[in-house]
Amino acid sequence: MELILREDVEKLGSRGALIKVADGYARNFLLPKRLAVPATESNKKIVEQEREAYLRREAKAAGDAQDLGRLMSNVTLTFRQRVGENNHLFGSVTAKDIAEALEAQKYHIDRRKIQLDEPIRTLGEHKVTLRLHKDVASEINVIVEPEQ
C-alpha cells in the first residue's frame, strides 16, 4: 500500500515521504495513529501544506532557541554545598538543581534539556551544555563552592 508520512517514523522515512508498506502495517499501525495517509492527489497537497507549516514552525523555534542561547552564554550559576574531608561533596549538583537555579534567574529551561552525563560531585568550575533545540546548544558555567 502506498502512503504519505505525516510524521517522522524511525526506520521508515521522514515527514512528507512517499512510502510503500504492507497492507497490515498500514491498516493496523500507521493509519490508526495518524502517522500516514493514503497516497492520493488531494492528500499529497494537504501533506505538502502541513510540511511547509511544520518547517516554518521549526525555523521559528530554532531562531528563538539561538537567541536564548546567546543570552545564556554569559550565565554563571554558583552552588554552595557542604563538603567533608578532602573537599568531597555531601550530595551532588543535578540537572534538577541547575533547572531550579535557572528558573530563579527567570530562564525557563526544562531539566531534560540540561546535558549532564552524571551529577556534579566535585568542587570547582564546570561547563554544562543546554540542548535548547535539536540544532542549538549553549554552554553555561556552573561553579560549586564549599558552604561557609
C-alpha atoms as a PDB file:
ATOM      1  CA  MET A   1       0.000   0.000   0.000  1.00  0.00           C
ATOM      2  CA  GLU A   2       1.307   3.468  -0.849  1.00  0.00           C
ATOM      3  CA  LEU A   3       1.194   6.053   1.919  1.00  0.00           C
ATOM      4  CA  ILE A   4       2.434   9.561   2.639  1.00  0.00           C
ATOM      5  CA  LEU A   5       4.018  10.038   6.060  1.00  0.00           C
ATOM      6  CA  ARG A   6       2.619  12.861   8.188  1.00  0.00           C
ATOM      7  CA  GLU A   7       5.303  12.481  10.877  1.00  0.00           C
ATOM      8  CA  ASP A   8       8.868  11.217  11.011  1.00  0.00           C
ATOM      9  CA  VAL A   9       8.803   7.454  11.589  1.00  0.00           C
ATOM     10  CA  GLU A  10      12.039   5.776  12.615  1.00  0.00           C
ATOM     11  CA  LYS A  11      13.431   3.291  10.076  1.00  0.00           C
ATOM     12  CA  LEU A  12      10.667   4.182   7.618  1.00  0.00           C
ATOM     13  CA  GLY A  13      11.017   7.776   6.476  1.00  0.00           C
ATOM     14  CA  SER A  14      10.548  11.434   7.233  1.00  0.00           C
ATOM     15  CA  ARG A  15       7.531  13.723   7.071  1.00  0.00           C
ATOM     16  CA  GLY A  16       6.103  14.011   3.554  1.00  0.00           C
ATOM     17  CA  ALA A  17       7.873  10.924   2.181  1.00  0.00           C
ATOM     18  CA  LEU A  18       6.007   8.604  -0.196  1.00  0.00           C
ATOM     19  CA  ILE A  19       6.451   5.013   1.048  1.00  0.00           C
ATOM     20  CA  LYS A  20       5.247   1.507   0.229  1.00  0.00           C
ATOM     21  CA  VAL A  21       4.414  -0.746   3.168  1.00  0.00           C
ATOM     22  CA  ALA A  22       2.499  -3.948   3.800  1.00  0.00           C
ATOM     23  CA  ASP A  23      -1.279  -3.544   3.943  1.00  0.00           C
ATOM     24  CA  GLY A  24      -1.493  -4.858   7.520  1.00  0.00           C
ATOM     25  CA  TYR A  25       1.192  -2.476   8.791  1.00  0.00           C
ATOM     26  CA  ALA A  26      -0.646   0.425   7.187  1.00  0.00           C
ATOM     27  CA  ARG A  27      -4.141  -0.569   8.407  1.00  0.00           C
ATOM     28  CA  ASN A  28      -3.138  -1.624  11.920  1.00  0.00           C
ATOM     29  CA  PHE A  29      -0.405   0.843  12.840  1.00  0.00           C
ATOM     30  CA  LEU A  30       0.265   3.816  10.576  1.00  0.00           C
ATOM     31  CA  LEU A  31      -3.285   4.842   9.670  1.00  0.00           C
ATOM     32  CA  PRO A  32      -4.919   4.491  13.135  1.00  0.00           C
ATOM     33  CA  LYS A  33      -2.123   6.501  14.761  1.00  0.00           C
ATOM     34  CA  ARG A  34      -2.422   9.143  12.017  1.00  0.00           C
ATOM     35  CA  LEU A  35       1.245   8.773  11.153  1.00  0.00           C
ATOM     36  CA  ALA A  36       0.389   8.395   7.464  1.00  0.00           C
ATOM     37  CA  VAL A  37      -2.405   8.941   4.941  1.00  0.00           C
ATOM     38  CA  PRO A  38      -3.210   7.105   1.686  1.00  0.00           C
ATOM     39  CA  ALA A  39      -1.262   8.444  -1.304  1.00  0.00           C
ATOM     40  CA  THR A  40      -3.969  10.281  -3.249  1.00  0.00           C
ATOM     41  CA  GLU A  41      -3.533  13.542  -5.139  1.00  0.00           C
ATOM     42  CA  SER A  42      -5.605  15.534  -2.630  1.00  0.00           C
ATOM     43  CA  ASN A  43      -3.703  14.047   0.325  1.00  0.00           C
ATOM     44  CA  LYS A  44      -0.385  14.880  -1.346  1.00  0.00           C
ATOM     45  CA  LYS A  45      -1.389  18.554  -1.472  1.00  0.00           C
ATOM     46  CA  ILE A  46      -2.601  18.562   2.136  1.00  0.00           C
ATOM     47  CA  VAL A  47       0.557  16.868   3.406  1.00  0.00           C
ATOM     48  CA  GLU A  48       2.730  19.306   1.458  1.00  0.00           C
ATOM     49  CA  GLN A  49       0.926  22.235   3.113  1.00  0.00           C
ATOM     50  CA  GLU A  50       1.376  20.617   6.541  1.00  0.00           C
ATOM     51  CA  ARG A  51       5.068  20.075   5.813  1.00  0.00           C
ATOM     52  CA  GLU A  52       5.566  23.729   4.858  1.00  0.00           C
ATOM     53  CA  ALA A  53       3.777  24.874   8.044  1.00  0.00           C
ATOM     54  CA  TYR A  54       5.935  22.485  10.089  1.00  0.00           C
ATOM     55  CA  LEU A  55       9.130  23.834   8.518  1.00  0.00           C
ATOM     56  CA  ARG A  56       8.066  27.409   9.298  1.00  0.00           C
ATOM     57  CA  ARG A  57       7.364  26.486  12.936  1.00  0.00           C
ATOM     58  CA  GLU A  58      10.702  24.670  13.209  1.00  0.00           C
ATOM     59  CA  ALA A  59      12.584  27.642  11.745  1.00  0.00           C
ATOM     60  CA  LYS A  60      10.920  29.995  14.246  1.00  0.00           C
ATOM     61  CA  ALA A  61      11.662  27.634  17.153  1.00  0.00           C
ATOM     62  CA  ALA A  62      15.301  27.308  16.049  1.00  0.00           C
ATOM     63  CA  GLY A  63      15.636  31.113  15.797  1.00  0.00           C
ATOM     64  CA  ASP A  64      14.149  31.570  19.271  1.00  0.00           C
ATOM     65  CA  ALA A  65      16.488  28.913  20.658  1.00  0.00           C
ATOM     66  CA  GLN A  66      19.523  30.633  19.101  1.00  0.00           C
ATOM     67  CA  ASP A  67      18.513  33.955  20.674  1.00  0.00           C
ATOM     68  CA  LEU A  68      18.081  32.270  24.057  1.00  0.00           C
ATOM     69  CA  GLY A  69      21.442  30.525  23.618  1.00  0.00           C
ATOM     70  CA  ARG A  70      23.183  33.849  23.022  1.00  0.00           C
ATOM     71  CA  LEU A  71      21.609  35.277  26.178  1.00  0.00           C
ATOM     72  CA  MET A  72      22.546  32.237  28.236  1.00  0.00           C
ATOM     73  CA  SER A  73      26.167  32.044  27.096  1.00  0.00           C
ATOM     74  CA  ASN A  74      27.066  34.563  29.830  1.00  0.00           C
ATOM     75  CA  VAL A  75      25.119  32.841  32.619  1.00  0.00           C
ATOM     76  CA  THR A  76      27.077  31.590  35.616  1.00  0.00           C
ATOM     77  CA  LEU A  77      25.426  29.617  38.390  1.00  0.00           C
ATOM     78  CA  THR A  78      27.027  29.261  41.806  1.00  0.00           C
ATOM     79  CA  PHE A  79      26.107  26.461  44.175  1.00  0.00           C
ATOM     80  CA  ARG A  80      27.257  26.249  47.776  1.00  0.00           C
ATOM     81  CA  GLN A  81      27.437  22.671  49.019  1.00  0.00           C
ATOM     82  CA  ARG A  82      28.542  21.033  52.237  1.00  0.00           C
ATOM     83  CA  VAL A  83      31.917  19.354  51.964  1.00  0.00           C
ATOM     84  CA  GLY A  84      33.717  16.746  54.010  1.00  0.00           C
ATOM     85  CA  GLU A  85      37.309  15.635  54.155  1.00  0.00           C
ATOM     86  CA  ASN A  86      39.427  16.243  51.064  1.00  0.00           C
ATOM     87  CA  ASN A  87      36.779  18.646  49.705  1.00  0.00           C
ATOM     88  CA  HIS A  88      34.428  15.771  48.913  1.00  0.00           C
ATOM     89  CA  LEU A  89      30.822  16.912  48.448  1.00  0.00           C
ATOM     90  CA  PHE A  90      27.948  15.603  50.527  1.00  0.00           C
ATOM     91  CA  GLY A  91      25.440  15.058  47.728  1.00  0.00           C
ATOM     92  CA  SER A  92      25.767  16.471  44.242  1.00  0.00           C
ATOM     93  CA  VAL A  93      24.523  19.128  41.825  1.00  0.00           C
ATOM     94  CA  THR A  94      21.964  17.602  39.453  1.00  0.00           C
ATOM     95  CA  ALA A  95      20.129  18.776  36.348  1.00  0.00           C
ATOM     96  CA  LYS A  96      17.118  19.494  38.568  1.00  0.00           C
ATOM     97  CA  ASP A  97      19.214  21.826  40.763  1.00  0.00           C
ATOM     98  CA  ILE A  98      20.520  23.643  37.690  1.00  0.00           C
ATOM     99  CA  ALA A  99      16.985  23.988  36.257  1.00  0.00           C
ATOM    100  CA  GLU A 100      15.740  25.471  39.561  1.00  0.00           C
ATOM    101  CA  ALA A 101      18.652  27.934  39.680  1.00  0.00           C
ATOM    102  CA  LEU A 102      17.942  28.992  36.089  1.00  0.00           C
ATOM    103  CA  GLU A 103      14.260  29.385  36.969  1.00  0.00           C
ATOM    104  CA  ALA A 104      15.274  31.728  39.798  1.00  0.00           C
ATOM    105  CA  GLN A 105      17.083  33.840  37.184  1.00  0.00           C
ATOM    106  CA  LYS A 106      13.918  33.891  35.003  1.00  0.00           C
ATOM    107  CA  TYR A 107      15.175  31.351  32.426  1.00  0.00           C
ATOM    108  CA  HIS A 108      12.574  28.648  31.871  1.00  0.00           C
ATOM    109  CA  ILE A 109      14.579  25.593  30.795  1.00  0.00           C
ATOM    110  CA  ASP A 110      13.249  22.053  31.113  1.00  0.00           C
ATOM    111  CA  ARG A 111      15.618  19.878  33.158  1.00  0.00           C
ATOM    112  CA  ARG A 112      15.638  17.257  30.382  1.00  0.00           C
ATOM    113  CA  LYS A 113      17.385  19.794  28.141  1.00  0.00           C
ATOM    114  CA  ILE A 114      20.332  20.020  30.551  1.00  0.00           C
ATOM    115  CA  GLN A 115      23.038  17.654  29.350  1.00  0.00           C
ATOM    116  CA  LEU A 116      24.746  16.112  32.375  1.00  0.00           C
ATOM    117  CA  ASP A 117      26.290  12.670  31.932  1.00  0.00           C
ATOM    118  CA  GLU A 118      26.355  12.326  35.689  1.00  0.00           C
ATOM    119  CA  PRO A 119      25.702  14.708  38.583  1.00  0.00           C
ATOM    120  CA  ILE A 120      28.490  17.124  39.541  1.00  0.00           C
ATOM    121  CA  ARG A 121      30.277  15.766  42.623  1.00  0.00           C
ATOM    122  CA  THR A 122      33.411  17.912  42.754  1.00  0.00           C
ATOM    123  CA  LEU A 123      34.210  21.484  43.693  1.00  0.00           C
ATOM    124  CA  GLY A 124      35.256  23.943  41.032  1.00  0.00           C
ATOM    125  CA  GLU A 125      34.041  25.316  37.744  1.00  0.00           C
ATOM    126  CA  HIS A 126      32.168  23.089  35.312  1.00  0.00           C
ATOM    127  CA  LYS A 127      30.799  23.653  31.812  1.00  0.00           C
ATOM    128  CA  VAL A 128      27.247  22.372  31.352  1.00  0.00           C
ATOM    129  CA  THR A 129      25.618  22.054  27.932  1.00  0.00           C
ATOM    130  CA  LEU A 130      21.990  23.001  27.394  1.00  0.00           C
ATOM    131  CA  ARG A 131      20.270  21.407  24.394  1.00  0.00           C
ATOM    132  CA  LEU A 132      17.814  24.230  23.589  1.00  0.00           C
ATOM    133  CA  HIS A 133      16.731  22.810  20.215  1.00  0.00           C
ATOM    134  CA  LYS A 134      17.777  19.817  18.158  1.00  0.00           C
ATOM    135  CA  ASP A 135      20.264  22.037  16.285  1.00  0.00           C
ATOM    136  CA  VAL A 136      21.055  24.582  19.019  1.00  0.00           C
ATOM    137  CA  ALA A 137      23.193  24.041  22.110  1.00  0.00           C
ATOM    138  CA  SER A 138      24.548  26.523  24.621  1.00  0.00           C
ATOM    139  CA  GLU A 139      27.049  26.241  27.463  1.00  0.00           C
ATOM    140  CA  ILE A 140      26.738  27.759  30.907  1.00  0.00           C
ATOM    141  CA  ASN A 141      29.245  27.889  33.754  1.00  0.00           C
ATOM    142  CA  VAL A 142      28.408  26.101  36.996  1.00  0.00           C
ATOM    143  CA  ILE A 143      30.594  26.867  39.978  1.00  0.00           C
ATOM    144  CA  VAL A 144      30.464  24.614  43.020  1.00  0.00           C
ATOM    145  CA  GLU A 145      31.904  26.165  46.181  1.00  0.00           C
ATOM    146  CA  PRO A 146      32.174  24.919  49.740  1.00  0.00           C
ATOM    147  CA  GLU A 147      29.494  26.086  52.128  1.00  0.00           C
ATOM    148  CA  GLN A 148      30.786  28.516  54.759  1.00  0.00           C
END
